[in-house]
């Protein structure tokens, strides 16, 4: 269970994964998370959802206001607002920024602010270039303290041979282990 655990749930691009976000929030609530704070970099109208519907879903499901800019995200660490951050889905773009210390979105600021407290960050990778340009960035984060990956694999090796996506069924278990400073294994599914 995640009783008494405050979670910062960061959501980045990978729009095709957004329908899974609602199920993830419901799973976190079933685990009795004390609070789930949604943190987003940007959102748009897409073929998968309308922006306002997605934002309404986030606020309704979590009961929290959305953190959607750097100014709102900066106090996360100093105010000790969360125990753990989960980024799901986490794009290759965000992985690259985290690997190289670039802080230019609400999500990257939330992580930077949170990590100063030596607390865990769970990454649920979802990128079309995970076995290409972003493989080195995944490697950098795997080797850094406080970063834990949800098990991932190729989602369509024939049509998208470099694409990687997290196994959403492993987010809760990964989170529990990350709170104990342990990486779930096996990592590749």
N, C-alpha and C. Protein backbone atom coordinates (compact mmCIF):
# COMPACT_ATOMS: atom_id res chain seq x y z
N UNK A 1 0.83 -1.19 0.00
CA UNK A 1 0.00 0.00 0.00
C UNK A 1 0.87 1.25 0.00
N UNK A 2 0.28 2.32 -0.45
CA UNK A 2 0.96 3.62 -0.51
C UNK A 2 0.32 4.59 0.49
N UNK A 3 -0.17 4.05 1.58
CA UNK A 3 -0.83 4.86 2.60
C UNK A 3 0.14 5.92 3.13
N UNK A 4 -0.37 7.13 3.28
CA UNK A 4 0.40 8.29 3.77
C UNK A 4 1.48 8.76 2.80
N UNK A 5 1.45 8.28 1.57
CA UNK A 5 2.44 8.69 0.57
C UNK A 5 1.83 9.76 -0.33
N UNK A 6 2.56 10.86 -0.47
CA UNK A 6 2.16 11.95 -1.36
C UNK A 6 2.94 11.80 -2.66
N UNK A 7 2.21 11.79 -3.76
CA UNK A 7 2.80 11.50 -5.07
C UNK A 7 2.67 12.70 -5.99
N UNK A 8 3.76 13.07 -6.63
CA UNK A 8 3.72 14.01 -7.74
C UNK A 8 3.65 13.19 -9.01
N UNK A 9 2.53 13.26 -9.72
CA UNK A 9 2.36 12.49 -10.95
C UNK A 9 2.60 13.40 -12.14
N UNK A 10 3.76 13.22 -12.75
CA UNK A 10 4.15 14.03 -13.91
C UNK A 10 3.73 13.33 -15.19
N UNK A 11 3.18 14.12 -16.10
CA UNK A 11 2.71 13.59 -17.38
C UNK A 11 3.34 14.42 -18.48
N UNK A 12 4.06 13.76 -19.38
CA UNK A 12 4.69 14.45 -20.50
C UNK A 12 4.11 13.89 -21.79
N UNK A 13 4.32 14.55 -22.90
CA UNK A 13 3.89 14.13 -24.24
C UNK A 13 3.35 12.73 -24.36
N UNK A 14 3.82 11.97 -25.32
CA UNK A 14 3.37 10.60 -25.58
C UNK A 14 1.85 10.51 -25.49
N UNK A 15 1.20 11.31 -26.30
CA UNK A 15 -0.24 11.49 -26.23
C UNK A 15 -1.04 10.20 -26.33
N UNK A 16 -0.52 9.22 -27.06
CA UNK A 16 -1.27 7.96 -27.22
C UNK A 16 -1.38 7.22 -25.89
N UNK A 17 -0.55 7.55 -24.91
CA UNK A 17 -0.60 6.90 -23.60
C UNK A 17 -1.54 7.60 -22.62
N UNK A 18 -2.05 8.76 -22.97
CA UNK A 18 -2.87 9.52 -22.03
C UNK A 18 -4.10 8.77 -21.53
N UNK A 19 -4.76 7.95 -22.36
CA UNK A 19 -5.92 7.22 -21.81
C UNK A 19 -5.53 6.31 -20.64
N UNK A 20 -4.29 5.92 -20.55
CA UNK A 20 -3.84 5.05 -19.45
C UNK A 20 -3.60 5.83 -18.16
N UNK A 21 -3.49 7.14 -18.25
CA UNK A 21 -3.22 7.97 -17.08
C UNK A 21 -4.37 7.88 -16.07
N UNK A 22 -5.59 7.91 -16.54
CA UNK A 22 -6.74 7.83 -15.63
C UNK A 22 -6.71 6.50 -14.86
N UNK A 23 -6.43 5.41 -15.53
CA UNK A 23 -6.33 4.11 -14.86
C UNK A 23 -5.20 4.11 -13.84
N UNK A 24 -4.09 4.76 -14.18
CA UNK A 24 -2.96 4.84 -13.25
C UNK A 24 -3.37 5.60 -11.99
N UNK A 25 -4.04 6.72 -12.16
CA UNK A 25 -4.49 7.50 -11.00
C UNK A 25 -5.42 6.65 -10.14
N UNK A 26 -6.34 5.93 -10.76
CA UNK A 26 -7.26 5.09 -10.00
C UNK A 26 -6.53 3.99 -9.25
N UNK A 27 -5.48 3.43 -9.87
CA UNK A 27 -4.67 2.40 -9.19
C UNK A 27 -3.94 2.99 -7.99
N UNK A 28 -3.40 4.20 -8.13
CA UNK A 28 -2.72 4.85 -7.01
C UNK A 28 -3.70 5.13 -5.87
N UNK A 29 -4.92 5.51 -6.23
CA UNK A 29 -5.94 5.76 -5.20
C UNK A 29 -6.33 4.46 -4.49
N UNK A 30 -6.41 3.36 -5.22
CA UNK A 30 -6.73 2.07 -4.61
C UNK A 30 -5.65 1.64 -3.62
N UNK A 31 -4.43 2.12 -3.86
CA UNK A 31 -3.32 1.83 -2.95
C UNK A 31 -3.28 2.81 -1.77
N UNK A 32 -4.30 3.66 -1.68
CA UNK A 32 -4.47 4.60 -0.58
C UNK A 32 -3.42 5.70 -0.52
N UNK A 33 -2.93 6.12 -1.70
CA UNK A 33 -2.01 7.27 -1.71
C UNK A 33 -2.71 8.44 -1.04
N UNK A 34 -1.97 9.15 -0.20
CA UNK A 34 -2.56 10.26 0.54
C UNK A 34 -2.97 11.41 -0.38
N UNK A 35 -2.11 11.69 -1.36
CA UNK A 35 -2.36 12.79 -2.27
C UNK A 35 -1.67 12.49 -3.58
N UNK A 36 -2.32 12.87 -4.69
CA UNK A 36 -1.73 12.74 -6.02
C UNK A 36 -1.81 14.12 -6.66
N UNK A 37 -0.66 14.73 -6.88
CA UNK A 37 -0.61 16.06 -7.45
C UNK A 37 -0.21 15.94 -8.92
N UNK A 38 -1.10 16.34 -9.85
CA UNK A 38 -0.76 16.26 -11.27
C UNK A 38 0.17 17.39 -11.70
N UNK A 39 1.21 17.03 -12.42
CA UNK A 39 2.20 17.99 -12.92
C UNK A 39 2.35 17.75 -14.41
N UNK A 40 2.11 18.78 -15.21
CA UNK A 40 2.19 18.61 -16.66
C UNK A 40 3.05 19.70 -17.26
N UNK A 41 3.74 19.33 -18.33
CA UNK A 41 4.54 20.33 -19.05
C UNK A 41 3.66 21.11 -20.01
N UNK A 42 3.01 20.40 -20.91
CA UNK A 42 2.11 21.01 -21.88
C UNK A 42 1.10 19.96 -22.27
N UNK A 43 -0.04 20.42 -22.72
CA UNK A 43 -1.01 19.50 -23.29
C UNK A 43 -1.72 20.20 -24.44
N UNK A 44 -2.19 19.41 -25.35
CA UNK A 44 -2.79 19.93 -26.57
C UNK A 44 -4.04 19.14 -26.91
N UNK A 45 -4.86 19.68 -27.80
CA UNK A 45 -5.91 18.88 -28.40
C UNK A 45 -5.23 17.89 -29.35
N UNK A 46 -5.56 16.63 -29.23
CA UNK A 46 -4.96 15.61 -30.09
C UNK A 46 -6.06 14.69 -30.61
N UNK A 47 -5.69 13.73 -31.41
CA UNK A 47 -6.67 12.76 -31.90
C UNK A 47 -7.10 11.80 -30.79
N UNK A 48 -6.36 11.79 -29.68
CA UNK A 48 -6.66 10.89 -28.57
C UNK A 48 -7.59 11.50 -27.53
N UNK A 49 -7.60 12.84 -27.41
CA UNK A 49 -8.41 13.52 -26.41
C UNK A 49 -8.41 15.02 -26.70
N UNK A 50 -9.31 15.72 -26.05
CA UNK A 50 -9.34 17.18 -26.08
C UNK A 50 -8.64 17.69 -24.82
N UNK A 51 -7.86 18.72 -24.97
CA UNK A 51 -7.06 19.29 -23.87
C UNK A 51 -7.91 19.53 -22.62
N UNK A 52 -9.02 20.23 -22.76
CA UNK A 52 -9.85 20.57 -21.59
C UNK A 52 -10.42 19.33 -20.92
N UNK A 53 -10.78 18.32 -21.71
CA UNK A 53 -11.29 17.08 -21.13
C UNK A 53 -10.20 16.39 -20.31
N UNK A 54 -8.97 16.40 -20.82
CA UNK A 54 -7.87 15.77 -20.11
C UNK A 54 -7.58 16.50 -18.79
N UNK A 55 -7.55 17.82 -18.85
CA UNK A 55 -7.29 18.62 -17.63
C UNK A 55 -8.41 18.40 -16.62
N UNK A 56 -9.66 18.38 -17.09
CA UNK A 56 -10.78 18.13 -16.19
C UNK A 56 -10.65 16.75 -15.55
N UNK A 57 -10.26 15.75 -16.33
CA UNK A 57 -10.09 14.40 -15.78
C UNK A 57 -9.03 14.41 -14.68
N UNK A 58 -7.89 15.08 -14.94
CA UNK A 58 -6.82 15.12 -13.94
C UNK A 58 -7.28 15.76 -12.65
N UNK A 59 -7.93 16.89 -12.73
CA UNK A 59 -8.37 17.58 -11.51
C UNK A 59 -9.49 16.81 -10.81
N UNK A 60 -10.41 16.24 -11.57
CA UNK A 60 -11.49 15.47 -10.96
C UNK A 60 -10.99 14.20 -10.29
N UNK A 61 -10.10 13.48 -10.97
CA UNK A 61 -9.60 12.21 -10.41
C UNK A 61 -8.68 12.41 -9.20
N UNK A 62 -7.88 13.48 -9.23
CA UNK A 62 -6.93 13.69 -8.12
C UNK A 62 -7.46 14.61 -7.03
N UNK A 63 -8.42 15.46 -7.38
CA UNK A 63 -8.90 16.44 -6.40
C UNK A 63 -7.90 17.54 -6.13
N UNK A 64 -6.92 17.69 -7.02
CA UNK A 64 -5.84 18.66 -6.83
C UNK A 64 -5.76 19.59 -8.03
N UNK A 65 -5.26 20.79 -7.79
CA UNK A 65 -4.95 21.70 -8.89
C UNK A 65 -3.73 21.19 -9.63
N UNK A 66 -3.67 21.48 -10.91
CA UNK A 66 -2.56 21.05 -11.75
C UNK A 66 -1.40 22.03 -11.60
N UNK A 67 -0.20 21.47 -11.49
CA UNK A 67 1.02 22.27 -11.55
C UNK A 67 1.45 22.24 -13.01
N UNK A 68 1.45 23.41 -13.64
CA UNK A 68 1.68 23.44 -15.09
C UNK A 68 2.70 24.48 -15.54
N UNK A 69 3.50 24.99 -14.59
CA UNK A 69 4.58 25.90 -14.99
C UNK A 69 5.71 25.83 -13.98
N UNK A 70 6.84 26.39 -14.36
CA UNK A 70 8.05 26.31 -13.55
C UNK A 70 7.87 26.99 -12.19
N UNK A 71 7.19 28.10 -12.16
CA UNK A 71 6.99 28.83 -10.90
C UNK A 71 6.19 28.00 -9.91
N UNK A 72 5.14 27.32 -10.38
CA UNK A 72 4.34 26.47 -9.49
C UNK A 72 5.11 25.22 -9.06
N UNK A 73 6.02 24.74 -9.90
CA UNK A 73 6.75 23.49 -9.61
C UNK A 73 7.94 23.70 -8.67
N UNK A 74 8.52 24.87 -8.66
CA UNK A 74 9.75 25.11 -7.88
C UNK A 74 9.58 24.83 -6.38
N UNK A 75 8.45 25.15 -5.74
CA UNK A 75 8.32 24.90 -4.29
C UNK A 75 8.20 23.43 -3.89
N UNK A 76 8.07 22.52 -4.84
CA UNK A 76 7.87 21.11 -4.50
C UNK A 76 8.95 20.60 -3.55
N UNK A 77 10.20 20.90 -3.83
CA UNK A 77 11.29 20.47 -2.94
C UNK A 77 11.35 21.25 -1.65
N UNK A 78 11.47 22.58 -1.71
CA UNK A 78 11.58 23.36 -0.47
C UNK A 78 10.41 23.15 0.49
N UNK A 79 9.20 22.94 -0.04
CA UNK A 79 8.03 22.74 0.82
C UNK A 79 7.79 21.25 1.12
N UNK A 80 8.67 20.39 0.59
CA UNK A 80 8.57 18.95 0.84
C UNK A 80 7.15 18.44 0.53
N UNK A 81 6.68 18.81 -0.65
CA UNK A 81 5.28 18.55 -1.02
C UNK A 81 4.96 17.10 -1.35
N UNK A 82 5.96 16.33 -1.81
CA UNK A 82 5.69 14.94 -2.19
C UNK A 82 6.80 14.02 -1.68
N UNK A 83 6.44 12.75 -1.55
CA UNK A 83 7.40 11.73 -1.13
C UNK A 83 8.10 11.09 -2.31
N UNK A 84 7.40 11.08 -3.44
CA UNK A 84 7.93 10.44 -4.64
C UNK A 84 7.31 11.11 -5.86
N UNK A 85 8.07 11.15 -6.94
CA UNK A 85 7.56 11.62 -8.22
C UNK A 85 7.52 10.44 -9.18
N UNK A 86 6.40 10.33 -9.88
CA UNK A 86 6.24 9.33 -10.94
C UNK A 86 6.05 10.11 -12.24
N UNK A 87 6.87 9.82 -13.23
CA UNK A 87 6.70 10.42 -14.56
C UNK A 87 6.21 9.31 -15.49
N UNK A 88 4.92 9.39 -15.83
CA UNK A 88 4.34 8.34 -16.68
C UNK A 88 3.17 8.92 -17.46
N UNK A 89 3.28 9.01 -18.76
CA UNK A 89 4.42 8.61 -19.56
C UNK A 89 5.54 9.65 -19.52
N UNK A 90 6.77 9.18 -19.71
CA UNK A 90 7.94 10.06 -19.76
C UNK A 90 8.55 9.95 -21.16
N UNK A 91 8.53 11.05 -21.89
CA UNK A 91 9.05 11.05 -23.25
C UNK A 91 10.58 11.01 -23.28
N UNK A 92 11.10 10.69 -24.42
CA UNK A 92 12.55 10.75 -24.63
C UNK A 92 13.08 12.16 -24.45
N UNK A 93 12.30 13.14 -24.83
CA UNK A 93 12.69 14.54 -24.66
C UNK A 93 12.90 14.86 -23.18
N UNK A 94 11.99 14.42 -22.33
CA UNK A 94 12.13 14.67 -20.89
C UNK A 94 13.29 13.87 -20.32
N UNK A 95 13.47 12.63 -20.74
CA UNK A 95 14.60 11.83 -20.29
C UNK A 95 15.91 12.54 -20.63
N UNK A 96 16.02 13.07 -21.84
CA UNK A 96 17.24 13.78 -22.25
C UNK A 96 17.48 15.00 -21.37
N UNK A 97 16.43 15.74 -21.08
CA UNK A 97 16.56 16.92 -20.23
C UNK A 97 17.00 16.54 -18.82
N UNK A 98 16.40 15.49 -18.26
CA UNK A 98 16.79 15.06 -16.92
C UNK A 98 18.23 14.55 -16.89
N UNK A 99 18.62 13.83 -17.92
CA UNK A 99 19.98 13.28 -17.98
C UNK A 99 21.03 14.39 -18.04
N UNK A 100 20.66 15.53 -18.62
CA UNK A 100 21.63 16.60 -18.83
C UNK A 100 21.35 17.86 -18.02
N UNK A 101 20.46 17.75 -17.02
CA UNK A 101 20.23 18.85 -16.10
C UNK A 101 19.52 20.05 -16.70
N UNK A 102 18.69 19.84 -17.70
CA UNK A 102 17.96 20.95 -18.31
C UNK A 102 16.61 21.10 -17.60
N UNK A 103 16.36 22.30 -17.11
CA UNK A 103 15.15 22.57 -16.33
C UNK A 103 14.36 23.67 -17.02
N UNK A 104 13.49 23.29 -17.95
CA UNK A 104 12.73 24.30 -18.69
C UNK A 104 11.25 23.99 -18.81
N UNK A 105 10.76 23.04 -18.01
CA UNK A 105 9.33 22.72 -17.99
C UNK A 105 8.90 22.51 -16.54
N UNK A 106 7.61 22.46 -16.32
CA UNK A 106 7.11 22.18 -14.98
C UNK A 106 7.60 20.82 -14.48
N UNK A 107 7.63 19.83 -15.37
CA UNK A 107 8.06 18.48 -14.97
C UNK A 107 9.54 18.46 -14.60
N UNK A 108 10.39 19.03 -15.43
CA UNK A 108 11.82 19.00 -15.10
C UNK A 108 12.13 19.83 -13.86
N UNK A 109 11.42 20.93 -13.66
CA UNK A 109 11.61 21.71 -12.43
C UNK A 109 11.12 20.94 -11.21
N UNK A 110 9.99 20.25 -11.34
CA UNK A 110 9.48 19.45 -10.24
C UNK A 110 10.50 18.40 -9.82
N UNK A 111 11.10 17.73 -10.80
CA UNK A 111 12.11 16.70 -10.49
C UNK A 111 13.34 17.33 -9.85
N UNK A 112 13.83 18.42 -10.43
CA UNK A 112 15.01 19.10 -9.86
C UNK A 112 14.75 19.54 -8.43
N UNK A 113 13.60 20.11 -8.19
CA UNK A 113 13.24 20.60 -6.87
C UNK A 113 13.09 19.44 -5.87
N UNK A 114 12.48 18.36 -6.31
CA UNK A 114 12.22 17.19 -5.47
C UNK A 114 13.51 16.42 -5.15
N UNK A 115 14.36 16.26 -6.14
CA UNK A 115 15.56 15.43 -5.99
C UNK A 115 16.54 16.04 -4.98
N UNK A 116 16.45 17.34 -4.76
CA UNK A 116 17.33 17.99 -3.78
C UNK A 116 17.12 17.41 -2.38
N UNK A 117 15.95 16.81 -2.15
CA UNK A 117 15.63 16.20 -0.86
C UNK A 117 16.03 14.72 -0.81
N UNK A 118 16.77 14.27 -1.84
CA UNK A 118 17.26 12.90 -1.89
C UNK A 118 16.10 11.88 -1.90
N UNK A 119 15.05 12.23 -2.65
CA UNK A 119 13.88 11.38 -2.74
C UNK A 119 13.76 10.76 -4.13
N UNK A 120 13.02 9.65 -4.24
CA UNK A 120 12.96 8.90 -5.51
C UNK A 120 12.09 9.51 -6.60
N UNK A 121 12.52 9.23 -7.83
CA UNK A 121 11.79 9.59 -9.04
C UNK A 121 11.62 8.31 -9.86
N UNK A 122 10.38 7.98 -10.19
CA UNK A 122 10.07 6.81 -11.00
C UNK A 122 9.82 7.27 -12.43
N UNK A 123 10.48 6.62 -13.37
CA UNK A 123 10.34 6.98 -14.78
C UNK A 123 9.67 5.85 -15.55
N UNK A 124 8.55 6.19 -16.17
CA UNK A 124 7.83 5.27 -17.05
C UNK A 124 8.06 5.71 -18.49
N UNK A 125 9.09 5.15 -19.09
CA UNK A 125 9.53 5.59 -20.43
C UNK A 125 8.49 5.29 -21.50
N UNK A 126 8.33 6.24 -22.40
CA UNK A 126 7.47 6.06 -23.56
C UNK A 126 8.02 6.95 -24.67
N UNK A 127 8.81 6.35 -25.56
CA UNK A 127 9.48 7.13 -26.58
C UNK A 127 9.71 6.31 -27.84
N UNK A 128 9.64 6.96 -28.98
CA UNK A 128 9.90 6.28 -30.25
C UNK A 128 11.38 6.12 -30.55
N UNK A 129 12.26 6.73 -29.74
CA UNK A 129 13.70 6.62 -30.02
C UNK A 129 14.49 6.08 -28.82
N UNK A 130 13.84 5.26 -28.01
CA UNK A 130 14.51 4.69 -26.83
C UNK A 130 15.67 3.77 -27.17
N UNK A 131 15.62 3.12 -28.30
CA UNK A 131 16.73 2.27 -28.73
C UNK A 131 17.55 2.97 -29.81
N UNK A 132 17.41 4.28 -29.86
CA UNK A 132 18.17 5.10 -30.81
C UNK A 132 18.86 6.22 -30.06
N UNK A 133 18.54 7.44 -30.43
CA UNK A 133 19.21 8.62 -29.87
C UNK A 133 19.08 8.72 -28.36
N UNK A 134 17.99 8.21 -27.79
CA UNK A 134 17.78 8.37 -26.35
C UNK A 134 18.31 7.23 -25.50
N UNK A 135 18.86 6.21 -26.12
CA UNK A 135 19.38 5.09 -25.32
C UNK A 135 20.47 5.55 -24.36
N UNK A 136 21.34 6.43 -24.82
CA UNK A 136 22.41 6.91 -23.92
C UNK A 136 21.83 7.68 -22.73
N UNK A 137 20.74 8.43 -22.94
CA UNK A 137 20.14 9.19 -21.84
C UNK A 137 19.46 8.27 -20.83
N UNK A 138 18.84 7.22 -21.31
CA UNK A 138 18.28 6.21 -20.40
C UNK A 138 19.41 5.62 -19.56
N UNK A 139 20.53 5.29 -20.20
CA UNK A 139 21.69 4.76 -19.48
C UNK A 139 22.21 5.71 -18.43
N UNK A 140 22.26 6.99 -18.75
CA UNK A 140 22.72 8.00 -17.78
C UNK A 140 21.82 7.99 -16.54
N UNK A 141 20.51 7.97 -16.75
CA UNK A 141 19.59 8.01 -15.61
C UNK A 141 19.58 6.70 -14.83
N UNK A 142 19.76 5.57 -15.53
CA UNK A 142 19.85 4.29 -14.82
C UNK A 142 21.03 4.27 -13.85
N UNK A 143 22.05 5.04 -14.17
CA UNK A 143 23.26 5.07 -13.35
C UNK A 143 23.23 6.16 -12.27
N UNK A 144 22.19 6.98 -12.25
CA UNK A 144 22.09 8.07 -11.27
C UNK A 144 21.29 7.64 -10.05
N UNK A 145 21.69 8.16 -8.91
CA UNK A 145 20.99 7.91 -7.67
C UNK A 145 19.59 8.52 -7.73
N UNK A 146 18.63 7.84 -7.13
CA UNK A 146 17.25 8.31 -6.95
C UNK A 146 16.38 8.21 -8.19
N UNK A 147 16.86 7.66 -9.30
CA UNK A 147 16.04 7.45 -10.48
C UNK A 147 15.77 5.96 -10.63
N UNK A 148 14.50 5.61 -10.79
CA UNK A 148 14.07 4.22 -10.89
C UNK A 148 13.15 4.08 -12.09
N UNK A 149 13.36 3.05 -12.89
CA UNK A 149 12.56 2.86 -14.10
C UNK A 149 11.50 1.80 -13.91
N UNK A 150 10.32 2.06 -14.44
CA UNK A 150 9.28 1.06 -14.57
C UNK A 150 9.76 0.11 -15.67
N UNK A 151 9.60 -1.20 -15.51
CA UNK A 151 9.99 -2.11 -16.59
C UNK A 151 9.38 -1.68 -17.92
N UNK A 152 10.18 -1.86 -18.98
CA UNK A 152 9.76 -1.41 -20.30
C UNK A 152 10.20 -2.40 -21.36
N UNK A 153 9.61 -2.26 -22.53
CA UNK A 153 9.98 -3.10 -23.66
C UNK A 153 9.57 -2.44 -24.96
N UNK A 154 9.85 -3.13 -26.05
CA UNK A 154 9.47 -2.63 -27.36
C UNK A 154 7.96 -2.83 -27.53
N UNK A 155 7.28 -1.78 -27.97
CA UNK A 155 5.84 -1.90 -28.11
C UNK A 155 5.42 -2.42 -29.48
N UNK A 156 6.22 -2.20 -30.50
CA UNK A 156 5.93 -2.72 -31.84
C UNK A 156 7.24 -2.79 -32.60
N UNK A 157 8.00 -3.85 -32.36
CA UNK A 157 9.36 -3.94 -32.91
C UNK A 157 9.41 -3.98 -34.43
N UNK A 158 8.33 -4.36 -35.08
CA UNK A 158 8.33 -4.39 -36.54
C UNK A 158 8.09 -3.00 -37.15
N UNK A 159 7.08 -2.30 -36.67
CA UNK A 159 6.75 -1.00 -37.23
C UNK A 159 7.54 0.15 -36.60
N UNK A 160 7.93 -0.03 -35.32
CA UNK A 160 8.67 1.02 -34.60
C UNK A 160 9.84 0.36 -33.86
N UNK A 161 10.88 -0.05 -34.58
CA UNK A 161 11.94 -0.86 -33.99
C UNK A 161 12.76 -0.18 -32.89
N UNK A 162 12.70 1.12 -32.76
CA UNK A 162 13.46 1.82 -31.72
C UNK A 162 12.58 2.31 -30.57
N UNK A 163 11.30 2.01 -30.64
CA UNK A 163 10.33 2.51 -29.68
C UNK A 163 10.31 1.67 -28.40
N UNK A 164 10.19 2.35 -27.26
CA UNK A 164 10.07 1.70 -25.96
C UNK A 164 8.86 2.24 -25.22
N UNK A 165 8.21 1.38 -24.45
CA UNK A 165 7.09 1.83 -23.64
C UNK A 165 7.07 1.05 -22.32
N UNK A 166 6.68 1.76 -21.26
CA UNK A 166 6.60 1.17 -19.93
C UNK A 166 5.49 0.14 -19.85
N UNK A 167 5.61 -0.74 -18.89
CA UNK A 167 4.56 -1.70 -18.55
C UNK A 167 3.75 -1.07 -17.42
N UNK A 168 2.59 -0.51 -17.75
CA UNK A 168 1.78 0.21 -16.75
C UNK A 168 1.40 -0.68 -15.57
N UNK A 169 1.32 -1.98 -15.77
CA UNK A 169 0.94 -2.88 -14.67
C UNK A 169 2.04 -2.96 -13.61
N UNK A 170 3.21 -2.42 -13.90
CA UNK A 170 4.34 -2.48 -12.96
C UNK A 170 4.61 -1.15 -12.25
N UNK A 171 3.80 -0.13 -12.50
CA UNK A 171 4.06 1.19 -11.90
C UNK A 171 3.95 1.14 -10.37
N UNK A 172 2.92 0.51 -9.85
CA UNK A 172 2.72 0.47 -8.39
C UNK A 172 3.88 -0.26 -7.71
N UNK A 173 4.23 -1.43 -8.21
CA UNK A 173 5.32 -2.21 -7.62
C UNK A 173 6.65 -1.44 -7.72
N UNK A 174 6.90 -0.81 -8.85
CA UNK A 174 8.12 -0.01 -9.02
C UNK A 174 8.15 1.12 -8.00
N UNK A 175 7.02 1.77 -7.79
CA UNK A 175 6.92 2.87 -6.84
C UNK A 175 7.21 2.41 -5.42
N UNK A 176 6.62 1.31 -5.04
CA UNK A 176 6.85 0.78 -3.69
C UNK A 176 8.33 0.46 -3.47
N UNK A 177 8.97 -0.17 -4.43
CA UNK A 177 10.38 -0.50 -4.31
C UNK A 177 11.25 0.76 -4.33
N UNK A 178 10.90 1.74 -5.16
CA UNK A 178 11.67 2.99 -5.21
C UNK A 178 11.63 3.70 -3.86
N UNK A 179 10.52 3.61 -3.17
CA UNK A 179 10.43 4.21 -1.83
C UNK A 179 11.38 3.52 -0.84
N UNK A 180 11.82 2.31 -1.19
CA UNK A 180 12.83 1.58 -0.41
C UNK A 180 14.21 1.69 -1.04
N UNK A 181 14.34 2.59 -2.03
CA UNK A 181 15.60 2.79 -2.76
C UNK A 181 16.06 1.53 -3.49
N UNK A 182 15.10 0.82 -4.10
CA UNK A 182 15.40 -0.40 -4.84
C UNK A 182 14.79 -0.32 -6.23
N UNK A 183 15.54 -0.80 -7.23
CA UNK A 183 15.05 -0.87 -8.61
C UNK A 183 14.35 -2.19 -8.82
N UNK A 184 13.15 -2.16 -9.37
CA UNK A 184 12.43 -3.39 -9.70
C UNK A 184 13.23 -4.16 -10.75
N UNK A 185 13.16 -5.47 -10.67
CA UNK A 185 13.80 -6.33 -11.65
C UNK A 185 12.81 -7.43 -12.04
N UNK A 186 12.85 -7.94 -13.26
CA UNK A 186 13.71 -7.50 -14.34
C UNK A 186 13.20 -6.17 -14.92
N UNK A 187 14.10 -5.42 -15.47
CA UNK A 187 13.78 -4.11 -16.02
C UNK A 187 13.23 -4.22 -17.44
N UNK A 188 13.71 -5.17 -18.20
CA UNK A 188 13.27 -5.34 -19.59
C UNK A 188 12.19 -6.39 -19.66
N UNK A 189 11.08 -6.03 -20.33
CA UNK A 189 9.96 -6.98 -20.46
C UNK A 189 9.70 -7.27 -21.93
